Amino acid sequence: MGNLNHQLPLARTIVFGIVGLFTLISFGLSIHIVHLGNQGGFVPDWAGLALATSIITLIALPVLFIIPIKRRNALPSFIAFELAVLWLLWILWLATGASIASLFGLNYCNGGLCSEIRALEAFSFLNWLLLMFYSFALLILSVTAHQRGRTGVWKSSVSEFDWNNSKPAVVGV
């Protein structure tokens, strides 16, 4: 399986970086779509959801990434907290992508705004998939560690926990 103590934090950094980039793109697209909607007097719900999801993600990811580096034992550094926030984010991205995918007639228009809406849909689904797969991997690894008696996994950070130690924790010593 390799050295999870190195691979998992690296995978986390890569996923957070890609999701951050896709979120910046989604943020720009959703701002433009909301702006056009404001000019026309109607902002679609899915555009507002895309904008809100982008903003929440742009706030949450740096908090999850930077606080564990700067401050140990802070709530945002706990794996349990990270999992809760990431699950919320991937659910929001799934809802965003699904609400755009359900638009009637989007498959029959081309160029301009339609291309922007399709791009927003694609980046929403990509963010959903990246966050969901990373969250499931982290959850499985954490539950496995917990079942092996290493119950402190939930209050550890991804980069500080010893993922390679498969020995159960010694109780009462």
N, C-alpha and C. Protein backbone atom coordinates (compact mmCIF):
# COMPACT_ATOMS: atom_id res chain seq x y z
N MET A 1 0.83 -1.20 0.00
CA MET A 1 0.00 0.00 0.00
C MET A 1 0.87 1.26 0.00
N GLY A 2 2.12 1.12 0.42
CA GLY A 2 3.00 2.28 0.40
C GLY A 2 2.95 3.06 1.71
N ASN A 3 3.56 4.20 1.68
CA ASN A 3 3.64 5.04 2.86
C ASN A 3 2.48 6.01 2.89
N LEU A 4 1.42 5.64 3.60
CA LEU A 4 0.24 6.51 3.68
C LEU A 4 0.53 7.82 4.40
N ASN A 5 1.52 7.83 5.27
CA ASN A 5 1.86 9.07 5.98
C ASN A 5 2.32 10.15 5.01
N HIS A 6 2.83 9.74 3.87
CA HIS A 6 3.24 10.70 2.84
C HIS A 6 2.18 10.83 1.74
N GLN A 7 1.61 9.69 1.32
CA GLN A 7 0.69 9.68 0.19
C GLN A 7 -0.65 10.36 0.48
N LEU A 8 -1.21 10.14 1.66
CA LEU A 8 -2.52 10.72 1.95
C LEU A 8 -2.46 12.25 2.04
N PRO A 9 -1.49 12.83 2.78
CA PRO A 9 -1.42 14.31 2.77
C PRO A 9 -1.14 14.87 1.37
N LEU A 10 -0.35 14.14 0.56
CA LEU A 10 -0.09 14.59 -0.80
C LEU A 10 -1.37 14.53 -1.64
N ALA A 11 -2.11 13.44 -1.54
CA ALA A 11 -3.38 13.32 -2.26
C ALA A 11 -4.35 14.41 -1.82
N ARG A 12 -4.37 14.70 -0.53
CA ARG A 12 -5.23 15.75 0.01
C ARG A 12 -4.87 17.11 -0.61
N THR A 13 -3.58 17.40 -0.66
CA THR A 13 -3.11 18.67 -1.24
C THR A 13 -3.49 18.76 -2.71
N ILE A 14 -3.32 17.67 -3.44
CA ILE A 14 -3.66 17.67 -4.87
C ILE A 14 -5.16 17.86 -5.06
N VAL A 15 -5.97 17.11 -4.31
CA VAL A 15 -7.43 17.24 -4.43
C VAL A 15 -7.87 18.65 -4.07
N PHE A 16 -7.37 19.18 -2.95
CA PHE A 16 -7.75 20.54 -2.55
C PHE A 16 -7.32 21.56 -3.60
N GLY A 17 -6.14 21.38 -4.19
CA GLY A 17 -5.65 22.31 -5.22
C GLY A 17 -6.52 22.28 -6.47
N ILE A 18 -6.84 21.07 -6.94
CA ILE A 18 -7.68 20.95 -8.14
C ILE A 18 -9.08 21.49 -7.87
N VAL A 19 -9.65 21.11 -6.73
CA VAL A 19 -10.99 21.61 -6.39
C VAL A 19 -10.96 23.14 -6.23
N GLY A 20 -9.90 23.66 -5.65
CA GLY A 20 -9.78 25.11 -5.52
C GLY A 20 -9.75 25.80 -6.88
N LEU A 21 -8.98 25.24 -7.81
CA LEU A 21 -8.93 25.81 -9.16
C LEU A 21 -10.28 25.73 -9.85
N PHE A 22 -10.92 24.55 -9.80
CA PHE A 22 -12.23 24.39 -10.42
C PHE A 22 -13.27 25.30 -9.76
N THR A 23 -13.12 25.52 -8.46
CA THR A 23 -14.05 26.40 -7.75
C THR A 23 -13.87 27.85 -8.18
N LEU A 24 -12.63 28.28 -8.38
CA LEU A 24 -12.40 29.64 -8.88
C LEU A 24 -13.04 29.84 -10.25
N ILE A 25 -12.92 28.83 -11.10
CA ILE A 25 -13.55 28.90 -12.42
C ILE A 25 -15.08 28.95 -12.27
N SER A 26 -15.61 28.09 -11.41
CA SER A 26 -17.06 28.06 -11.17
C SER A 26 -17.55 29.37 -10.58
N PHE A 27 -16.75 29.94 -9.71
CA PHE A 27 -17.08 31.23 -9.10
C PHE A 27 -17.22 32.30 -10.17
N GLY A 28 -16.23 32.38 -11.07
CA GLY A 28 -16.29 33.37 -12.15
C GLY A 28 -17.48 33.15 -13.07
N LEU A 29 -17.72 31.89 -13.43
CA LEU A 29 -18.86 31.60 -14.30
C LEU A 29 -20.18 31.94 -13.62
N SER A 30 -20.32 31.57 -12.36
CA SER A 30 -21.58 31.83 -11.67
C SER A 30 -21.80 33.32 -11.42
N ILE A 31 -20.73 34.05 -11.15
CA ILE A 31 -20.88 35.51 -11.00
C ILE A 31 -21.39 36.11 -12.31
N HIS A 32 -20.83 35.67 -13.43
CA HIS A 32 -21.26 36.22 -14.72
C HIS A 32 -22.72 35.88 -15.00
N ILE A 33 -23.10 34.65 -14.72
CA ILE A 33 -24.49 34.23 -14.96
C ILE A 33 -25.45 34.99 -14.04
N VAL A 34 -25.08 35.16 -12.78
CA VAL A 34 -25.92 35.92 -11.85
C VAL A 34 -26.01 37.38 -12.30
N HIS A 35 -24.90 37.92 -12.76
CA HIS A 35 -24.90 39.30 -13.25
C HIS A 35 -25.86 39.45 -14.44
N LEU A 36 -25.79 38.53 -15.38
CA LEU A 36 -26.71 38.57 -16.52
C LEU A 36 -28.16 38.42 -16.06
N GLY A 37 -28.38 37.56 -15.07
CA GLY A 37 -29.73 37.40 -14.53
C GLY A 37 -30.23 38.66 -13.87
N ASN A 38 -29.37 39.34 -13.14
CA ASN A 38 -29.75 40.61 -12.51
C ASN A 38 -30.13 41.65 -13.55
N GLN A 39 -29.41 41.68 -14.65
CA GLN A 39 -29.73 42.64 -15.71
C GLN A 39 -31.09 42.34 -16.33
N GLY A 40 -31.42 41.05 -16.40
CA GLY A 40 -32.70 40.66 -16.98
C GLY A 40 -33.84 40.62 -15.98
N GLY A 41 -33.52 40.85 -14.71
CA GLY A 41 -34.55 40.88 -13.69
C GLY A 41 -34.90 39.51 -13.11
N PHE A 42 -34.12 38.47 -13.43
CA PHE A 42 -34.41 37.13 -12.90
C PHE A 42 -33.11 36.35 -12.78
N VAL A 43 -32.79 35.96 -11.55
CA VAL A 43 -31.62 35.11 -11.31
C VAL A 43 -32.12 33.70 -11.01
N PRO A 44 -31.75 32.73 -11.84
CA PRO A 44 -32.21 31.35 -11.60
C PRO A 44 -31.66 30.81 -10.29
N ASP A 45 -32.43 29.94 -9.66
CA ASP A 45 -32.01 29.36 -8.38
C ASP A 45 -30.69 28.61 -8.50
N TRP A 46 -30.51 27.87 -9.59
CA TRP A 46 -29.30 27.08 -9.75
C TRP A 46 -28.06 27.98 -9.85
N ALA A 47 -28.21 29.18 -10.40
CA ALA A 47 -27.08 30.10 -10.50
C ALA A 47 -26.71 30.63 -9.11
N GLY A 48 -27.73 30.92 -8.30
CA GLY A 48 -27.47 31.34 -6.92
C GLY A 48 -26.83 30.24 -6.11
N LEU A 49 -27.28 29.00 -6.32
CA LEU A 49 -26.69 27.85 -5.63
C LEU A 49 -25.23 27.66 -6.04
N ALA A 50 -24.95 27.81 -7.32
CA ALA A 50 -23.57 27.68 -7.81
C ALA A 50 -22.68 28.75 -7.19
N LEU A 51 -23.18 29.97 -7.12
CA LEU A 51 -22.40 31.05 -6.53
C LEU A 51 -22.18 30.81 -5.04
N ALA A 52 -23.22 30.42 -4.32
CA ALA A 52 -23.09 30.16 -2.88
C ALA A 52 -22.15 28.99 -2.62
N THR A 53 -22.27 27.92 -3.39
CA THR A 53 -21.40 26.76 -3.21
C THR A 53 -19.95 27.13 -3.48
N SER A 54 -19.72 27.95 -4.49
CA SER A 54 -18.36 28.40 -4.79
C SER A 54 -17.78 29.21 -3.63
N ILE A 55 -18.57 30.12 -3.10
CA ILE A 55 -18.09 30.96 -2.00
C ILE A 55 -17.80 30.12 -0.77
N ILE A 56 -18.70 29.21 -0.43
CA ILE A 56 -18.50 28.35 0.75
C ILE A 56 -17.23 27.52 0.56
N THR A 57 -17.03 26.99 -0.63
CA THR A 57 -15.84 26.18 -0.89
C THR A 57 -14.57 27.02 -0.82
N LEU A 58 -14.62 28.23 -1.37
CA LEU A 58 -13.45 29.10 -1.33
C LEU A 58 -13.09 29.54 0.09
N ILE A 59 -14.02 29.49 0.99
CA ILE A 59 -13.74 29.78 2.40
C ILE A 59 -13.29 28.51 3.13
N ALA A 60 -14.00 27.41 2.90
CA ALA A 60 -13.76 26.18 3.66
C ALA A 60 -12.42 25.52 3.36
N LEU A 61 -12.06 25.41 2.10
CA LEU A 61 -10.82 24.70 1.76
C LEU A 61 -9.57 25.32 2.37
N PRO A 62 -9.39 26.64 2.29
CA PRO A 62 -8.21 27.21 2.95
C PRO A 62 -8.23 27.01 4.47
N VAL A 63 -9.42 27.07 5.07
CA VAL A 63 -9.52 26.84 6.51
C VAL A 63 -9.06 25.42 6.84
N LEU A 64 -9.55 24.44 6.07
CA LEU A 64 -9.19 23.04 6.31
C LEU A 64 -7.72 22.78 6.02
N PHE A 65 -7.14 23.53 5.11
CA PHE A 65 -5.76 23.29 4.72
C PHE A 65 -4.76 24.04 5.60
N ILE A 66 -5.05 25.29 5.93
CA ILE A 66 -4.07 26.13 6.61
C ILE A 66 -4.10 25.98 8.12
N ILE A 67 -5.27 25.90 8.72
CA ILE A 67 -5.34 25.86 10.19
C ILE A 67 -4.59 24.67 10.79
N PRO A 68 -4.68 23.45 10.23
CA PRO A 68 -3.89 22.36 10.79
C PRO A 68 -2.37 22.60 10.74
N ILE A 69 -1.93 23.38 9.77
CA ILE A 69 -0.50 23.71 9.68
C ILE A 69 -0.12 24.72 10.76
N LYS A 70 -0.99 25.68 10.98
CA LYS A 70 -0.69 26.78 11.91
C LYS A 70 -0.99 26.46 13.37
N ARG A 71 -1.99 25.61 13.61
CA ARG A 71 -2.42 25.40 15.00
C ARG A 71 -2.85 23.96 15.21
N ARG A 72 -2.15 23.30 16.09
CA ARG A 72 -2.49 21.91 16.42
C ARG A 72 -3.68 21.88 17.37
N ASN A 73 -4.44 20.81 17.27
CA ASN A 73 -5.60 20.56 18.13
C ASN A 73 -6.71 21.60 18.01
N ALA A 74 -6.71 22.33 16.93
CA ALA A 74 -7.83 23.24 16.65
C ALA A 74 -8.91 22.43 15.94
N LEU A 75 -10.16 22.78 16.16
CA LEU A 75 -11.27 22.03 15.59
C LEU A 75 -11.13 21.78 14.08
N PRO A 76 -10.77 22.78 13.27
CA PRO A 76 -10.65 22.52 11.83
C PRO A 76 -9.53 21.53 11.46
N SER A 77 -8.64 21.23 12.40
CA SER A 77 -7.58 20.27 12.09
C SER A 77 -8.01 18.82 12.35
N PHE A 78 -9.15 18.61 13.00
CA PHE A 78 -9.62 17.26 13.31
C PHE A 78 -10.15 16.58 12.06
N ILE A 79 -9.83 15.31 11.89
CA ILE A 79 -10.33 14.54 10.76
C ILE A 79 -11.86 14.50 10.78
N ALA A 80 -12.45 14.38 11.95
CA ALA A 80 -13.91 14.35 12.05
C ALA A 80 -14.52 15.63 11.49
N PHE A 81 -13.94 16.77 11.80
CA PHE A 81 -14.42 18.05 11.30
C PHE A 81 -14.21 18.15 9.79
N GLU A 82 -13.03 17.74 9.34
CA GLU A 82 -12.73 17.78 7.92
C GLU A 82 -13.73 16.94 7.13
N LEU A 83 -14.01 15.74 7.63
CA LEU A 83 -14.98 14.88 6.96
C LEU A 83 -16.36 15.53 6.89
N ALA A 84 -16.81 16.13 7.97
CA ALA A 84 -18.13 16.77 7.99
C ALA A 84 -18.19 17.91 6.97
N VAL A 85 -17.16 18.73 6.92
CA VAL A 85 -17.15 19.86 5.99
C VAL A 85 -17.07 19.36 4.55
N LEU A 86 -16.22 18.38 4.29
CA LEU A 86 -16.08 17.86 2.94
C LEU A 86 -17.36 17.19 2.45
N TRP A 87 -18.05 16.49 3.34
CA TRP A 87 -19.32 15.88 2.93
C TRP A 87 -20.34 16.96 2.59
N LEU A 88 -20.39 18.01 3.39
CA LEU A 88 -21.28 19.12 3.07
C LEU A 88 -20.93 19.71 1.70
N LEU A 89 -19.65 19.90 1.45
CA LEU A 89 -19.23 20.49 0.18
C LEU A 89 -19.58 19.60 -1.00
N TRP A 90 -19.31 18.30 -0.90
CA TRP A 90 -19.61 17.46 -2.07
C TRP A 90 -21.11 17.33 -2.29
N ILE A 91 -21.88 17.40 -1.23
CA ILE A 91 -23.34 17.39 -1.41
C ILE A 91 -23.80 18.67 -2.10
N LEU A 92 -23.23 19.80 -1.73
CA LEU A 92 -23.56 21.06 -2.38
C LEU A 92 -23.16 21.05 -3.86
N TRP A 93 -21.97 20.51 -4.17
CA TRP A 93 -21.54 20.45 -5.56
C TRP A 93 -22.41 19.49 -6.37
N LEU A 94 -22.81 18.39 -5.76
CA LEU A 94 -23.71 17.46 -6.45
C LEU A 94 -25.05 18.14 -6.73
N ALA A 95 -25.59 18.84 -5.74
CA ALA A 95 -26.86 19.56 -5.92
C ALA A 95 -26.73 20.62 -7.01
N THR A 96 -25.60 21.31 -7.04
CA THR A 96 -25.39 22.33 -8.06
C THR A 96 -25.35 21.70 -9.46
N GLY A 97 -24.54 20.67 -9.61
CA GLY A 97 -24.45 20.01 -10.91
C GLY A 97 -25.78 19.41 -11.35
N ALA A 98 -26.48 18.79 -10.42
CA ALA A 98 -27.76 18.16 -10.75
C ALA A 98 -28.82 19.20 -11.12
N SER A 99 -28.82 20.33 -10.42
CA SER A 99 -29.82 21.36 -10.74
C SER A 99 -29.57 21.95 -12.13
N ILE A 100 -28.30 22.05 -12.51
CA ILE A 100 -28.00 22.56 -13.86
C ILE A 100 -28.32 21.48 -14.90
N ALA A 101 -27.99 20.23 -14.59
CA ALA A 101 -28.25 19.13 -15.53
C ALA A 101 -29.74 18.95 -15.81
N SER A 102 -30.57 19.36 -14.86
CA SER A 102 -32.01 19.18 -15.04
C SER A 102 -32.66 20.29 -15.87
N LEU A 103 -31.87 21.25 -16.32
CA LEU A 103 -32.43 22.35 -17.12
C LEU A 103 -32.94 21.83 -18.45
N PHE A 104 -34.15 22.20 -18.76
CA PHE A 104 -34.76 21.78 -20.02
C PHE A 104 -34.18 22.62 -21.16
N GLY A 105 -33.79 21.99 -22.22
CA GLY A 105 -33.34 22.70 -23.41
C GLY A 105 -31.87 23.02 -23.45
N LEU A 106 -31.12 22.73 -22.41
CA LEU A 106 -29.70 23.06 -22.39
C LEU A 106 -28.95 22.26 -23.46
N ASN A 107 -29.41 21.07 -23.76
CA ASN A 107 -28.76 20.25 -24.78
C ASN A 107 -28.99 20.77 -26.19
N TYR A 108 -29.93 21.68 -26.35
CA TYR A 108 -30.30 22.15 -27.69
C TYR A 108 -29.79 23.55 -28.01
N CYS A 109 -29.00 24.13 -27.13
CA CYS A 109 -28.46 25.45 -27.43
C CYS A 109 -26.94 25.39 -27.44
N ASN A 110 -26.33 26.29 -28.18
CA ASN A 110 -24.87 26.28 -28.33
C ASN A 110 -24.31 27.69 -28.15
N GLY A 111 -23.06 27.72 -27.72
CA GLY A 111 -22.32 28.98 -27.66
C GLY A 111 -22.75 29.89 -26.52
N GLY A 112 -21.97 30.92 -26.31
CA GLY A 112 -22.27 31.97 -25.34
C GLY A 112 -22.63 31.47 -23.96
N LEU A 113 -23.79 31.91 -23.51
CA LEU A 113 -24.26 31.58 -22.17
C LEU A 113 -24.45 30.07 -21.99
N CYS A 114 -24.90 29.39 -23.03
CA CYS A 114 -25.10 27.94 -22.92
C CYS A 114 -23.78 27.23 -22.64
N SER A 115 -22.71 27.69 -23.28
CA SER A 115 -21.39 27.10 -23.03
C SER A 115 -20.94 27.35 -21.60
N GLU A 116 -21.22 28.53 -21.09
CA GLU A 116 -20.86 28.85 -19.71
C GLU A 116 -21.64 27.97 -18.73
N ILE A 117 -22.91 27.77 -19.00
CA ILE A 117 -23.73 26.93 -18.13
C ILE A 117 -23.24 25.49 -18.15
N ARG A 118 -22.91 25.00 -19.34
CA ARG A 118 -22.38 23.63 -19.45
C ARG A 118 -21.04 23.49 -18.72
N ALA A 119 -20.19 24.48 -18.84
CA ALA A 119 -18.91 24.45 -18.14
C ALA A 119 -19.13 24.45 -16.63
N LEU A 120 -20.06 25.27 -16.17
CA LEU A 120 -20.37 25.31 -14.74
C LEU A 120 -20.88 23.95 -14.27
N GLU A 121 -21.71 23.32 -15.08
CA GLU A 121 -22.21 21.99 -14.76
C GLU A 121 -21.05 20.99 -14.66
N ALA A 122 -20.15 21.04 -15.63
CA ALA A 122 -19.01 20.10 -15.64
C ALA A 122 -18.12 20.29 -14.43
N PHE A 123 -17.78 21.53 -14.11
CA PHE A 123 -16.91 21.78 -12.96
C PHE A 123 -17.61 21.42 -11.65
N SER A 124 -18.91 21.58 -11.59
CA SER A 124 -19.66 21.18 -10.40
C SER A 124 -19.57 19.68 -10.19
N PHE A 125 -19.78 18.92 -11.25
CA PHE A 125 -19.70 17.47 -11.13
C PHE A 125 -18.27 17.00 -10.86
N LEU A 126 -17.28 17.66 -11.45
CA LEU A 126 -15.89 17.29 -11.18
C LEU A 126 -15.54 17.55 -9.71
N ASN A 127 -15.95 18.70 -9.18
CA ASN A 127 -15.70 18.98 -7.76
C ASN A 127 -16.40 17.95 -6.88
N TRP A 128 -17.64 17.61 -7.23
CA TRP A 128 -18.37 16.59 -6.48
C TRP A 128 -17.59 15.29 -6.44
N LEU A 129 -17.16 14.82 -7.59
CA LEU A 129 -16.45 13.54 -7.66
C LEU A 129 -15.14 13.56 -6.87
N LEU A 130 -14.36 14.60 -7.05
CA LEU A 130 -13.08 14.70 -6.34
C LEU A 130 -13.28 14.71 -4.82
N LEU A 131 -14.19 15.56 -4.36
CA LEU A 131 -14.42 15.65 -2.92
C LEU A 131 -15.04 14.38 -2.36
N MET A 132 -15.95 13.77 -3.11
CA MET A 132 -16.60 12.56 -2.62
C MET A 132 -15.60 11.40 -2.52
N PHE A 133 -14.80 11.18 -3.55
CA PHE A 133 -13.84 10.08 -3.51
C PHE A 133 -12.80 10.27 -2.41
N TYR A 134 -12.29 11.50 -2.26
CA TYR A 134 -11.34 11.75 -1.18
C TYR A 134 -12.00 11.55 0.19
N SER A 135 -13.23 12.03 0.34
CA SER A 135 -13.95 11.88 1.62
C SER A 135 -14.17 10.41 1.96
N PHE A 136 -14.57 9.62 0.98
CA PHE A 136 -14.78 8.19 1.22
C PHE A 136 -13.47 7.50 1.58
N ALA A 137 -12.40 7.83 0.89
CA ALA A 137 -11.10 7.24 1.20
C ALA A 137 -10.68 7.60 2.63
N LEU A 138 -10.82 8.87 3.00
CA LEU A 138 -10.46 9.31 4.34
C LEU A 138 -11.34 8.64 5.39
N LEU A 139 -12.63 8.52 5.11
CA LEU A 139 -13.54 7.86 6.04
C LEU A 139 -13.18 6.40 6.23
N ILE A 140 -12.91 5.70 5.15
CA ILE A 140 -12.55 4.28 5.25
C ILE A 140 -11.26 4.09 6.04
N LEU A 141 -10.26 4.90 5.75
CA LEU A 141 -9.00 4.81 6.50
C LEU A 141 -9.20 5.13 7.97
N SER A 142 -10.02 6.13 8.26
CA SER A 142 -10.27 6.54 9.65
C SER A 142 -11.04 5.48 10.42
N VAL A 143 -12.07 4.91 9.80
CA VAL A 143 -12.86 3.87 10.45
C VAL A 143 -11.99 2.64 10.69
N THR A 144 -11.14 2.29 9.74
CA THR A 144 -10.24 1.15 9.90
C THR A 144 -9.30 1.38 11.08
N ALA A 145 -8.73 2.56 11.17
CA ALA A 145 -7.84 2.88 12.29
C ALA A 145 -8.61 2.82 13.61
N HIS A 146 -9.83 3.35 13.62
CA HIS A 146 -10.65 3.32 14.83
C HIS A 146 -10.95 1.88 15.25
N GLN A 147 -11.29 1.03 14.28
CA GLN A 147 -11.60 -0.37 14.59
C GLN A 147 -10.38 -1.12 15.10
N ARG A 148 -9.21 -0.65 14.79
CA ARG A 148 -7.97 -1.26 15.28
C ARG A 148 -7.58 -0.70 16.64
N GLY A 149 -8.48 0.06 17.24
CA GLY A 149 -8.23 0.58 18.59
C GLY A 149 -7.57 1.94 18.62
N ARG A 150 -7.38 2.56 17.50
CA ARG A 150 -6.72 3.87 17.44
C ARG A 150 -7.79 4.96 17.37
N THR A 151 -8.54 5.09 18.46
CA THR A 151 -9.70 5.98 18.50
C THR A 151 -9.33 7.46 18.43
N GLY A 152 -8.09 7.79 18.61
CA GLY A 152 -7.64 9.17 18.51
C GLY A 152 -7.61 9.70 17.08
N VAL A 153 -7.91 8.84 16.13
CA VAL A 153 -7.87 9.24 14.72
C VAL A 153 -8.79 10.42 14.45
N TRP A 154 -9.92 10.48 15.11
CA TRP A 154 -10.92 11.51 14.83
C TRP A 154 -10.48 12.90 15.28
N LYS A 155 -9.58 12.96 16.27
CA LYS A 155 -9.09 14.25 16.76
C LYS A 155 -7.67 14.54 16.29
N SER A 156 -7.24 13.82 15.28
CA SER A 156 -5.92 14.04 14.68
C SER A 156 -6.11 14.77 13.36
N SER A 157 -5.01 15.28 12.84
CA SER A 157 -5.06 15.86 11.50
C SER A 157 -4.55 14.81 10.51
N VAL A 158 -4.89 14.97 9.27
CA VAL A 158 -4.51 14.00 8.24
C VAL A 158 -2.99 13.86 8.18
N SER A 159 -2.27 14.96 8.29
CA SER A 159 -0.82 14.91 8.16
C SER A 159 -0.10 14.45 9.44
N GLU A 160 -0.75 14.53 10.59
CA GLU A 160 -0.09 14.13 11.83
C GLU A 160 -0.37 12.69 12.25
N PHE A 161 -1.47 12.12 11.79
CA PHE A 161 -1.83 10.76 12.22
C PHE A 161 -0.90 9.75 11.56
N ASP A 162 -0.53 8.71 12.31
CA ASP A 162 0.34 7.66 11.78
C ASP A 162 -0.52 6.61 11.09
N TRP A 163 -0.72 6.77 9.80
CA TRP A 163 -1.59 5.88 9.02
C TRP A 163 -0.95 4.52 8.80
N ASN A 164 0.36 4.42 8.91
CA ASN A 164 1.05 3.15 8.66
C ASN A 164 1.05 2.22 9.86
N ASN A 165 0.76 2.74 11.04
CA ASN A 165 0.76 1.93 12.25
C ASN A 165 -0.53 1.13 12.31
N SER A 166 -0.42 -0.17 12.09
CA SER A 166 -1.63 -1.01 12.10
C SER A 166 -1.84 -1.70 13.44
N LYS A 167 -0.94 -1.44 14.40
CA LYS A 167 -1.06 -2.07 15.71
C LYS A 167 -2.15 -1.38 16.52
N PRO A 168 -2.92 -2.15 17.28
CA PRO A 168 -3.94 -1.54 18.11
C PRO A 168 -3.31 -0.68 19.21
N ALA A 169 -4.05 0.32 19.61
CA ALA A 169 -3.59 1.18 20.70
C ALA A 169 -3.61 0.38 22.00
N VAL A 170 -2.61 0.62 22.83
CA VAL A 170 -2.54 -0.07 24.12
C VAL A 170 -3.36 0.75 25.12
N VAL A 171 -4.33 0.08 25.74
CA VAL A 171 -5.22 0.73 26.68
C VAL A 171 -4.74 0.46 28.10
N GLY A 172 -4.70 1.50 28.90
CA GLY A 172 -4.38 1.33 30.31
C GLY A 172 -2.90 1.32 30.63
N VAL A 173 -2.05 1.75 29.69
CA VAL A 173 -0.62 1.75 29.97
C VAL A 173 -0.18 3.18 30.18
